[in-house]
Amino acid sequence: MLSPDKSPTGATIFGVSASEIIKELPNLSEAERRTIREELLEIANQDPDVALCNQAALDGVLTLDQMESEDARRQSLIANHSDLLSPLACRNS
């Protein structure tokens, strides 16, 4: 567990290393880990380069979602109207 340190003024402070934090993560609830992830993301987004990279990734995901949705719609149309396409294929042969 984490142990407190004493400051020169006598106040109790907790000095926590990154390795101690990482070691404690499995003991946290999912909600606590989610809160930590959100806070880390907020801190990271303060860096303009990180924020730009995150926005580019989000834009890419949204574009991919849109493409998959359009493809699924086309596949559904083809499946629903395949009976109409068969006679046309026979006449064009």
Protein backbone atom coordinates (compact mmCIF):
# COMPACT_ATOMS: atom_id res chain seq x y z
CA MET A 1 0.00 0.00 0.00
CA LEU A 2 1.01 3.64 -0.36
CA SER A 3 2.84 5.13 2.58
CA PRO A 4 2.80 8.77 3.70
CA ASP A 5 5.90 10.95 3.85
CA LYS A 6 6.57 13.86 6.22
CA SER A 7 7.31 17.29 4.74
CA PRO A 8 9.86 19.64 6.36
CA THR A 9 6.92 21.47 7.97
CA GLY A 10 5.64 18.25 9.53
CA ALA A 11 2.61 17.91 7.23
CA THR A 12 1.84 14.42 6.04
CA ILE A 13 2.07 14.03 2.27
CA PHE A 14 1.75 11.01 0.05
CA GLY A 15 4.63 10.59 -2.37
CA VAL A 16 3.40 8.21 -5.02
CA SER A 17 5.52 6.91 -7.86
CA ALA A 18 4.16 5.95 -11.25
CA SER A 19 5.00 2.31 -10.58
CA GLU A 20 2.99 2.40 -7.33
CA ILE A 21 0.01 3.90 -9.16
CA ILE A 22 0.22 1.28 -11.89
CA LYS A 23 0.47 -1.49 -9.30
CA GLU A 24 -2.74 -0.28 -7.64
CA LEU A 25 -4.81 0.02 -10.86
CA PRO A 26 -6.08 -3.61 -10.83
CA ASN A 27 -7.53 -2.98 -7.35
CA LEU A 28 -9.75 -0.14 -8.59
CA SER A 29 -13.32 -0.52 -9.76
CA GLU A 30 -14.19 -0.10 -13.42
CA ALA A 31 -15.76 3.27 -12.62
CA GLU A 32 -12.57 4.44 -10.89
CA ARG A 33 -10.42 3.29 -13.83
CA ARG A 34 -12.79 5.06 -16.26
CA THR A 35 -12.44 8.28 -14.25
CA ILE A 36 -8.66 7.97 -14.38
CA ARG A 37 -8.73 7.34 -18.17
CA GLU A 38 -10.92 10.40 -18.68
CA GLU A 39 -8.61 12.56 -16.58
CA LEU A 40 -5.52 11.32 -18.43
CA LEU A 41 -7.19 12.01 -21.76
CA GLU A 42 -8.11 15.51 -20.63
CA ILE A 43 -4.52 16.17 -19.58
CA ALA A 44 -3.17 14.73 -22.83
CA ASN A 45 -5.56 16.87 -24.90
CA GLN A 46 -4.00 19.99 -23.42
CA ASP A 47 -1.08 19.27 -25.78
CA PRO A 48 -2.15 20.64 -29.20
CA ASP A 49 -0.35 17.85 -31.06
CA VAL A 50 -2.14 15.16 -29.05
CA ALA A 51 -5.49 16.91 -29.46
CA LEU A 52 -4.95 17.15 -33.24
CA CYS A 53 -3.99 13.46 -33.41
CA ASN A 54 -7.06 12.45 -31.37
CA GLN A 55 -9.32 14.54 -33.62
CA ALA A 56 -7.81 12.98 -36.75
CA ALA A 57 -8.38 9.50 -35.30
CA LEU A 58 -11.98 10.37 -34.44
CA ASP A 59 -12.57 11.76 -37.94
CA GLY A 60 -11.19 8.54 -39.42
CA VAL A 61 -13.44 6.38 -37.26
CA LEU A 62 -16.50 8.44 -38.19
CA THR A 63 -15.64 8.15 -41.89
CA LEU A 64 -15.18 4.39 -41.58
CA ASP A 65 -18.51 4.08 -39.73
CA GLN A 66 -20.23 6.02 -42.52
CA MET A 67 -18.62 3.85 -45.22
CA GLU A 68 -19.64 0.64 -43.41
CA SER A 69 -23.19 1.93 -43.03
CA GLU A 70 -23.43 2.78 -46.73
CA ASP A 71 -21.98 -0.62 -47.67
CA ALA A 72 -24.50 -2.42 -45.44
CA ARG A 73 -27.32 -0.42 -47.04
CA ARG A 74 -26.09 -1.37 -50.55
CA GLN A 75 -25.76 -5.02 -49.56
CA SER A 76 -29.30 -4.96 -48.17
CA LEU A 77 -30.64 -3.43 -51.40
CA ILE A 78 -28.87 -6.06 -53.47
CA ALA A 79 -30.17 -8.89 -51.28
CA ASN A 80 -33.72 -7.52 -51.29
CA HIS A 81 -33.79 -7.01 -55.08
CA SER A 82 -31.76 -9.98 -56.28
CA ASP A 83 -34.93 -11.47 -57.82
CA LEU A 84 -35.18 -8.40 -60.05
CA LEU A 85 -31.57 -8.67 -61.15
CA SER A 86 -31.73 -12.33 -62.26
CA PRO A 87 -33.95 -11.85 -65.35
CA LEU A 88 -31.83 -8.91 -66.47
CA ALA A 89 -28.69 -10.98 -66.25
CA CYS A 90 -30.28 -13.70 -68.39
CA ARG A 91 -31.42 -11.24 -71.11
CA ASN A 92 -27.99 -9.62 -71.35
CA SER A 93 -26.24 -12.97 -71.91
